[in-house]
Amino acid sequence: MRPARALIDLQALRHNYQLARELSGARALAVIKADAYGHGAVRCAQALEAEADGFAVACIEEALELRAAGIKAPVLLLEGFFEADELALIVEHDFWFVVHSLWQLEAIEQARVAKPLTVWLKLDSGMHRVGLHPKDYAAAYQRLQASGKVAKIVLMSHFARADELECPRSAEQVAVFEAARQGLGAEVSLRNSPAVLGWPTVPSDWVRPGIMLYGATPFEEANAQAARLQPVMTLESKVICVRELPAGEPVGYGARFVTQRPSRIGVVALGYADGYPRHAPTGTPVLVAGQRSQLLGRVSMDMLCVDLTDVPQAGLGSTVELWGKNILASDVAQAAQSIPYQIFCNLRRVPLIYSGS
């Protein structure tokens, strides 16, 4: 059996959720959209359900998967509904949902619902992706209240640059949000992972930890609170071939790496078809047989090469950690000019092996 696999530490997942609660002093929706950022949404939800205040997913398909698996906790649809007829499923399965556009508000007003809805009303406070314009926000809140179809409204927005701790944009967005919600007596939700870790004074009755749940920092620079996170996923495989090469020999497609000295090259059963970033360059860190080493040459679809020259204990069958508790996913992502969000979500073809449940 091919040795590539992703080890998922569910105890680390719980630790990171508890840290989000501790740092925020608020209720926390665990964001498990995109199959829990590649970690397996159902298993992650099962591991957290006993203590989580609820979950957040992108769309109703992801939410229905959780209900089918027996998850009974609240589930928020972060993109709301895409068609008005989804409201029947939302009511049937007791989903919470975001309203970010006036057409969604109109659909609620026109719908017949069997029981009151829980709506998270989203303001565009400056990211300019989705969300109601500030001039429409208070009126939308009043229309939801007047519809008689809503049991609870949570006021929310989303930061565009919270991962840049010296940037004034987040404070500007908070000011826009505070002005728009004047006179509206409802709970609020502003803080995502970087805001939980780096913006302690931002008001939030609810927080929405995403990438931090999985133990990766959202910041490019060191952050004391992010350093407390525990990596959840360890992506690993094994050396399946060892090449002994003299100086001056090219390795891999395009001869992107040429040996500068007599070298031992380990071929590892993992590549970009598994989700490892194809553009990770020579020098990207790996851990081979417990010792730090580096990637060599271009990543192939099913294989990649690592340097064994200074790792004498390594050879055929040696375990290689591509990212995890020793090689941080954020370091691999930075080397590949990517982000940990993307490399986690790109994971595929690799079996997920769970522990700590």
Protein backbone atom coordinates (compact mmCIF):
# COMPACT_ATOMS: atom_id res chain seq x y z
CA MET A 1 0.00 0.00 0.00
CA ARG A 2 1.29 3.46 -0.91
CA PRO A 3 2.75 5.02 2.25
CA ALA A 4 1.48 8.60 1.81
CA ARG A 5 -0.99 9.54 4.54
CA ALA A 6 -2.22 12.41 6.69
CA LEU A 7 -2.32 11.86 10.44
CA ILE A 8 -5.06 13.94 12.12
CA ASP A 9 -4.63 14.64 15.84
CA LEU A 10 -8.12 15.34 17.16
CA GLN A 11 -6.82 16.19 20.63
CA ALA A 12 -4.79 19.01 19.07
CA LEU A 13 -7.96 20.16 17.32
CA ARG A 14 -9.76 20.35 20.66
CA HIS A 15 -6.82 22.20 22.21
CA ASN A 16 -6.96 24.83 19.48
CA TYR A 17 -10.72 25.27 19.86
CA GLN A 18 -10.29 25.71 23.61
CA LEU A 19 -7.58 28.30 22.96
CA ALA A 20 -9.99 30.27 20.76
CA ARG A 21 -12.50 30.25 23.60
CA GLU A 22 -9.86 31.25 26.14
CA LEU A 23 -8.48 34.15 24.10
CA SER A 24 -11.86 35.54 23.11
CA GLY A 25 -14.00 34.90 26.18
CA ALA A 26 -16.81 34.37 23.68
CA ARG A 27 -18.85 31.61 22.15
CA ALA A 28 -17.10 30.02 19.20
CA LEU A 29 -18.35 28.51 15.96
CA ALA A 30 -15.78 26.02 14.69
CA VAL A 31 -15.33 26.72 10.99
CA ILE A 32 -15.23 23.35 9.22
CA LYS A 33 -16.03 24.40 5.66
CA ALA A 34 -14.14 22.83 2.74
CA ASP A 35 -14.12 19.45 4.52
CA ALA A 36 -12.60 21.09 7.62
CA TYR A 37 -9.84 22.62 5.51
CA GLY A 38 -8.96 19.13 4.25
CA HIS A 39 -9.02 17.52 7.70
CA GLY A 40 -12.37 15.74 7.35
CA ALA A 41 -15.45 17.70 8.40
CA VAL A 42 -17.46 14.87 9.90
CA ARG A 43 -14.69 13.50 12.10
CA CYS A 44 -13.66 16.99 13.20
CA ALA A 45 -17.26 17.86 14.06
CA GLN A 46 -17.67 14.63 16.01
CA ALA A 47 -14.48 15.39 17.94
CA LEU A 48 -15.68 18.89 18.84
CA GLU A 49 -19.42 18.48 19.23
CA ALA A 50 -19.38 17.87 22.99
CA GLU A 51 -17.89 21.31 23.64
CA ALA A 52 -18.41 23.42 20.51
CA ASP A 53 -21.05 26.14 20.50
CA GLY A 54 -21.71 25.25 16.89
CA PHE A 55 -20.13 24.91 13.48
CA ALA A 56 -19.81 27.04 10.37
CA VAL A 57 -19.71 25.78 6.80
CA ALA A 58 -19.85 27.47 3.41
CA CYS A 59 -23.06 26.04 2.01
CA ILE A 60 -26.04 23.82 2.62
CA GLU A 61 -24.44 20.75 1.01
CA GLU A 62 -21.72 20.81 3.65
CA ALA A 63 -24.28 21.32 6.40
CA LEU A 64 -26.44 18.41 5.22
CA GLU A 65 -23.41 16.13 5.36
CA LEU A 66 -23.03 16.97 9.06
CA ARG A 67 -26.70 16.33 9.81
CA ALA A 68 -26.55 13.00 7.92
CA ALA A 69 -23.64 12.01 10.17
CA GLY A 70 -25.73 12.74 13.27
CA ILE A 71 -24.33 16.17 14.18
CA LYS A 72 -27.09 18.00 16.06
CA ALA A 73 -25.23 21.17 17.07
CA PRO A 74 -26.05 24.50 15.42
CA VAL A 75 -24.60 24.86 11.91
CA LEU A 76 -24.19 28.27 10.27
CA LEU A 77 -24.24 28.62 6.46
CA LEU A 78 -21.62 31.30 5.85
CA GLU A 79 -22.78 32.04 2.29
CA GLY A 80 -26.44 31.82 3.26
CA PHE A 81 -28.78 30.32 0.70
CA PHE A 82 -28.35 30.47 -3.07
CA GLU A 83 -31.97 29.79 -4.00
CA ALA A 84 -35.11 30.71 -2.06
CA ASP A 85 -36.30 27.11 -2.05
CA GLU A 86 -33.36 26.19 0.20
CA LEU A 87 -35.23 27.85 3.05
CA ALA A 88 -37.38 24.73 3.42
CA LEU A 89 -34.26 22.63 4.06
CA ILE A 90 -32.89 25.29 6.39
CA VAL A 91 -36.04 25.09 8.48
CA GLU A 92 -36.21 21.28 8.34
CA HIS A 93 -32.64 20.86 9.60
CA ASP A 94 -32.59 23.91 11.89
CA PHE A 95 -29.65 25.59 10.20
CA TRP A 96 -28.53 29.13 10.95
CA PHE A 97 -27.64 31.21 7.90
CA VAL A 98 -26.04 34.45 6.79
CA VAL A 99 -28.00 37.12 4.97
CA HIS A 100 -25.59 39.22 2.95
CA SER A 101 -27.76 40.52 0.09
CA LEU A 102 -31.08 42.29 -0.20
CA TRP A 103 -32.50 39.57 -2.46
CA GLN A 104 -32.07 37.08 0.40
CA LEU A 105 -33.96 39.42 2.71
CA GLU A 106 -36.77 39.70 0.17
CA ALA A 107 -36.90 35.90 -0.18
CA ILE A 108 -37.35 35.57 3.60
CA GLU A 109 -40.16 38.13 3.57
CA GLN A 110 -41.97 36.20 0.84
CA ALA A 111 -41.37 32.70 2.21
CA ARG A 112 -43.65 30.58 4.32
CA VAL A 113 -41.63 29.06 7.12
CA ALA A 114 -42.80 26.51 9.67
CA LYS A 115 -40.69 27.91 12.51
CA PRO A 116 -38.64 31.05 13.21
CA LEU A 117 -35.21 31.46 11.64
CA THR A 118 -31.81 32.34 13.07
CA VAL A 119 -30.16 34.92 10.81
CA TRP A 120 -26.63 36.29 10.87
CA LEU A 121 -26.90 39.68 9.17
CA LYS A 122 -23.67 40.52 7.36
CA LEU A 123 -22.38 44.04 6.87
CA ASP A 124 -19.87 45.00 4.21
CA SER A 125 -17.64 47.04 6.50
CA GLY A 126 -14.91 47.48 3.91
CA MET A 127 -13.84 44.13 2.48
CA HIS A 128 -16.24 44.63 -0.46
CA ARG A 129 -16.86 40.97 -1.10
CA VAL A 130 -20.35 40.21 0.23
CA GLY A 131 -22.43 42.01 2.82
CA LEU A 132 -25.05 44.73 3.01
CA HIS A 133 -24.08 48.34 2.42
CA PRO A 134 -23.93 50.32 5.69
CA LYS A 135 -26.80 52.56 4.55
CA ASP A 136 -29.05 49.49 4.18
CA TYR A 137 -28.01 47.69 7.34
CA ALA A 138 -30.34 49.08 10.00
CA ALA A 139 -33.31 48.94 7.65
CA ALA A 140 -32.55 45.31 6.82
CA TYR A 141 -32.45 44.51 10.53
CA GLN A 142 -35.81 46.20 11.04
CA ARG A 143 -37.33 44.36 8.07
CA LEU A 144 -36.18 41.01 9.45
CA GLN A 145 -37.72 41.87 12.82
CA ALA A 146 -40.95 43.01 11.17
CA SER A 147 -41.22 39.87 9.04
CA GLY A 148 -42.23 37.82 12.06
CA LYS A 149 -40.15 34.96 10.68
CA VAL A 150 -36.92 35.47 12.62
CA ALA A 151 -36.24 34.28 16.16
CA LYS A 152 -32.73 35.70 16.48
CA ILE A 153 -30.38 38.01 14.60
CA VAL A 154 -26.61 38.13 15.04
CA LEU A 155 -24.79 41.11 13.52
CA MET A 156 -21.59 40.22 11.71
CA SER A 157 -18.88 41.37 9.35
CA HIS A 158 -15.57 40.02 8.08
CA PHE A 159 -12.08 41.51 8.20
CA ALA A 160 -10.02 41.88 5.06
CA ARG A 161 -6.60 42.45 6.66
CA ALA A 162 -6.72 41.18 10.23
CA ASP A 163 -3.61 39.10 9.53
CA GLU A 164 -1.67 42.37 9.16
CA LEU A 165 -1.38 43.46 12.77
CA GLU A 166 0.05 46.90 12.03
CA CYS A 167 -2.50 47.72 9.35
CA PRO A 168 -5.19 50.30 10.30
CA ARG A 169 -7.80 48.72 8.02
CA SER A 170 -9.28 46.46 10.71
CA ALA A 171 -9.83 49.37 13.08
CA GLU A 172 -11.49 51.27 10.23
CA GLN A 173 -13.80 48.31 9.60
CA VAL A 174 -14.72 48.14 13.28
CA ALA A 175 -15.64 51.83 13.19
CA VAL A 176 -17.89 51.27 10.16
CA PHE A 177 -19.53 48.31 11.89
CA GLU A 178 -20.09 50.20 15.14
CA ALA A 179 -21.71 53.10 13.28
CA ALA A 180 -23.97 50.79 11.26
CA ARG A 181 -25.21 48.87 14.30
CA GLN A 182 -26.09 51.86 16.44
CA GLY A 183 -29.46 51.24 18.07
CA LEU A 184 -29.61 47.58 17.05
CA GLY A 185 -29.91 45.36 20.11
CA ALA A 186 -28.29 42.14 18.98
CA GLU A 187 -25.20 40.01 19.55
CA VAL A 188 -22.22 40.60 17.27
CA SER A 189 -19.59 38.47 15.54
CA LEU A 190 -16.47 40.05 14.06
CA ARG A 191 -13.45 38.00 15.03
CA ASN A 192 -12.04 35.32 12.74
CA SER A 193 -8.78 33.44 13.48
CA PRO A 194 -6.36 36.36 13.07
CA ALA A 195 -8.68 38.62 15.05
CA VAL A 196 -8.97 36.05 17.85
CA LEU A 197 -5.19 35.75 18.02
CA GLY A 198 -4.15 39.33 17.37
CA TRP A 199 -7.02 41.79 17.99
CA PRO A 200 -8.17 41.23 21.59
CA THR A 201 -10.17 44.47 21.92
CA VAL A 202 -12.47 43.89 18.94
CA PRO A 203 -16.02 43.26 20.22
CA SER A 204 -17.44 39.81 19.54
CA ASP A 205 -20.09 37.79 21.34
CA TRP A 206 -19.33 35.04 18.83
CA VAL A 207 -15.98 34.23 17.23
CA ARG A 208 -15.34 32.16 14.13
CA PRO A 209 -12.01 30.30 14.42
CA GLY A 210 -10.99 28.68 11.16
CA ILE A 211 -7.33 28.18 10.26
CA MET A 212 -6.29 28.37 13.92
CA LEU A 213 -8.37 25.27 14.68
CA TYR A 214 -6.00 23.29 12.51
CA GLY A 215 -2.90 24.61 14.22
CA ALA A 216 -1.59 26.94 11.53
CA THR A 217 -0.83 30.60 12.04
CA PRO A 218 -2.59 33.17 9.86
CA PHE A 219 0.33 35.56 10.29
CA GLU A 220 3.56 35.89 8.33
CA GLU A 221 5.41 37.17 11.39
CA ALA A 222 5.83 35.53 14.80
CA ASN A 223 2.88 35.87 17.16
CA ALA A 224 2.89 34.80 20.80
CA GLN A 225 -0.68 33.50 20.80
CA ALA A 226 -0.30 31.69 17.47
CA ALA A 227 2.75 29.96 18.92
CA ARG A 228 0.39 28.22 21.38
CA LEU A 229 -1.43 26.41 18.56
CA GLN A 230 -0.86 22.70 18.03
CA PRO A 231 -0.60 21.37 14.45
CA VAL A 232 -3.45 18.96 13.75
CA MET A 233 -2.32 17.40 10.47
CA THR A 234 0.96 15.60 9.84
CA LEU A 235 1.44 14.81 6.15
CA GLU A 236 3.96 12.05 5.72
CA SER A 237 5.20 9.37 3.35
CA LYS A 238 8.30 7.22 2.96
CA VAL A 239 11.47 6.99 0.93
CA ILE A 240 10.83 4.46 -1.85
CA CYS A 241 14.16 4.73 -3.68
CA VAL A 242 17.67 6.02 -2.92
CA ARG A 243 20.00 7.35 -5.64
CA GLU A 244 23.75 7.86 -5.17
CA LEU A 245 24.84 10.64 -7.53
CA PRO A 246 28.16 12.36 -8.21
CA ALA A 247 28.51 16.14 -8.39
CA GLY A 248 27.06 17.77 -11.48
CA GLU A 249 24.03 15.49 -11.95
CA PRO A 250 20.52 16.93 -12.56
CA VAL A 251 17.59 15.72 -10.47
CA GLY A 252 13.96 15.65 -11.61
CA TYR A 253 11.99 17.43 -14.33
CA GLY A 254 13.64 20.40 -15.95
CA ALA A 255 16.96 19.86 -14.16
CA ARG A 256 15.92 22.49 -11.62
CA PHE A 257 18.45 21.05 -9.18
CA VAL A 258 21.99 19.91 -10.00
CA THR A 259 24.11 18.21 -7.36
CA GLN A 260 26.99 20.34 -6.11
CA ARG A 261 28.72 17.41 -4.40
CA PRO A 262 28.38 13.63 -4.23
CA SER A 263 24.83 13.23 -2.94
CA ARG A 264 22.29 10.73 -1.67
CA ILE A 265 18.85 11.48 -3.03
CA GLY A 266 15.69 10.00 -1.53
CA VAL A 267 12.62 9.60 -3.71
CA VAL A 268 9.41 10.03 -1.70
CA ALA A 269 5.97 8.69 -2.63
CA LEU A 270 4.07 11.97 -2.56
CA GLY A 271 3.53 14.73 -5.11
CA TYR A 272 1.30 17.50 -6.34
CA ALA A 273 -1.52 15.06 -7.14
CA ASP A 274 -1.70 14.51 -3.38
CA GLY A 275 -1.87 18.24 -2.75
CA TYR A 276 1.76 19.00 -2.01
CA PRO A 277 2.49 22.38 -3.65
CA ARG A 278 4.11 21.91 -7.05
CA HIS A 279 5.92 25.23 -6.77
CA ALA A 280 7.70 24.37 -3.53
CA PRO A 281 11.35 25.08 -4.40
CA THR A 282 14.60 23.36 -3.56
CA GLY A 283 15.29 24.10 0.09
CA THR A 284 11.70 23.72 1.30
CA PRO A 285 12.06 22.00 4.70
CA VAL A 286 11.22 18.34 5.30
CA LEU A 287 11.92 15.96 8.17
CA VAL A 288 13.61 12.69 7.19
CA ALA A 289 14.12 9.92 9.76
CA GLY A 290 13.69 12.55 12.49
CA GLN A 291 16.25 14.98 11.06
CA ARG A 292 15.55 18.23 9.25
CA SER A 293 16.50 18.24 5.57
CA GLN A 294 15.23 19.76 2.34
CA LEU A 295 13.31 19.23 -0.87
CA LEU A 296 15.38 18.97 -4.05
CA GLY A 297 14.25 19.83 -7.56
CA ARG A 298 10.77 20.06 -9.02
CA VAL A 299 7.83 18.30 -7.37
CA SER A 300 6.33 15.63 -9.64
CA MET A 301 2.73 14.41 -9.77
CA ASP A 302 3.33 11.36 -7.58
CA MET A 303 6.87 11.79 -6.23
CA LEU A 304 9.35 14.29 -4.91
CA CYS A 305 13.01 14.16 -4.00
CA VAL A 306 14.73 14.98 -0.71
CA ASP A 307 18.34 15.32 0.34
CA LEU A 308 19.69 12.37 2.35
CA THR A 309 23.35 13.35 2.05
CA ASP A 310 23.63 14.61 5.61
CA VAL A 311 21.09 12.18 7.06
CA PRO A 312 23.13 8.97 7.23
CA GLN A 313 20.48 7.11 9.21
CA ALA A 314 17.93 7.62 6.42
CA GLY A 315 17.37 5.16 3.62
CA LEU A 316 14.80 3.00 1.93
CA GLY A 317 11.59 3.02 3.99
CA SER A 318 12.49 6.06 6.10
CA THR A 319 9.56 8.23 7.15
CA VAL A 320 9.40 11.74 5.70
CA GLU A 321 7.28 14.47 7.31
CA LEU A 322 6.24 17.00 4.68
CA TRP A 323 4.44 19.16 7.22
CA GLY A 324 3.14 18.62 10.72
CA LYS A 325 4.40 19.00 14.26
CA ASN A 326 8.05 19.44 13.26
CA ILE A 327 7.77 21.05 9.83
CA LEU A 328 5.12 23.76 10.07
CA ALA A 329 2.61 23.95 7.25
CA SER A 330 3.01 27.73 7.29
CA ASP A 331 6.74 27.36 6.54
CA VAL A 332 6.06 25.04 3.61
CA ALA A 333 3.36 27.37 2.32
CA GLN A 334 5.61 30.40 2.58
CA ALA A 335 8.38 28.62 0.67
CA ALA A 336 5.86 27.75 -2.06
CA GLN A 337 4.46 31.31 -2.13
CA SER A 338 1.15 29.98 -0.89
CA ILE A 339 -0.77 29.96 2.40
CA PRO A 340 -1.56 27.09 4.80
CA TYR A 341 -5.28 27.47 4.01
CA GLN A 342 -4.61 26.50 0.40
CA ILE A 343 -2.21 23.63 0.96
CA PHE A 344 -4.58 22.04 3.49
CA CYS A 345 -7.58 22.44 1.19
CA ASN A 346 -5.66 21.02 -1.77
CA LEU A 347 -5.02 17.73 0.03
CA ARG A 348 -6.46 14.74 -1.85
CA ARG A 349 -5.82 11.07 -2.60
CA VAL A 350 -4.15 10.72 0.78
CA PRO A 351 -5.96 8.67 3.46
CA LEU A 352 -6.76 10.51 6.69
CA ILE A 353 -5.74 8.58 9.79
CA TYR A 354 -7.31 9.85 13.04
CA SER A 355 -6.07 9.71 16.62
CA GLY A 356 -7.10 11.35 19.87
CA SER A 357 -10.83 10.87 19.41
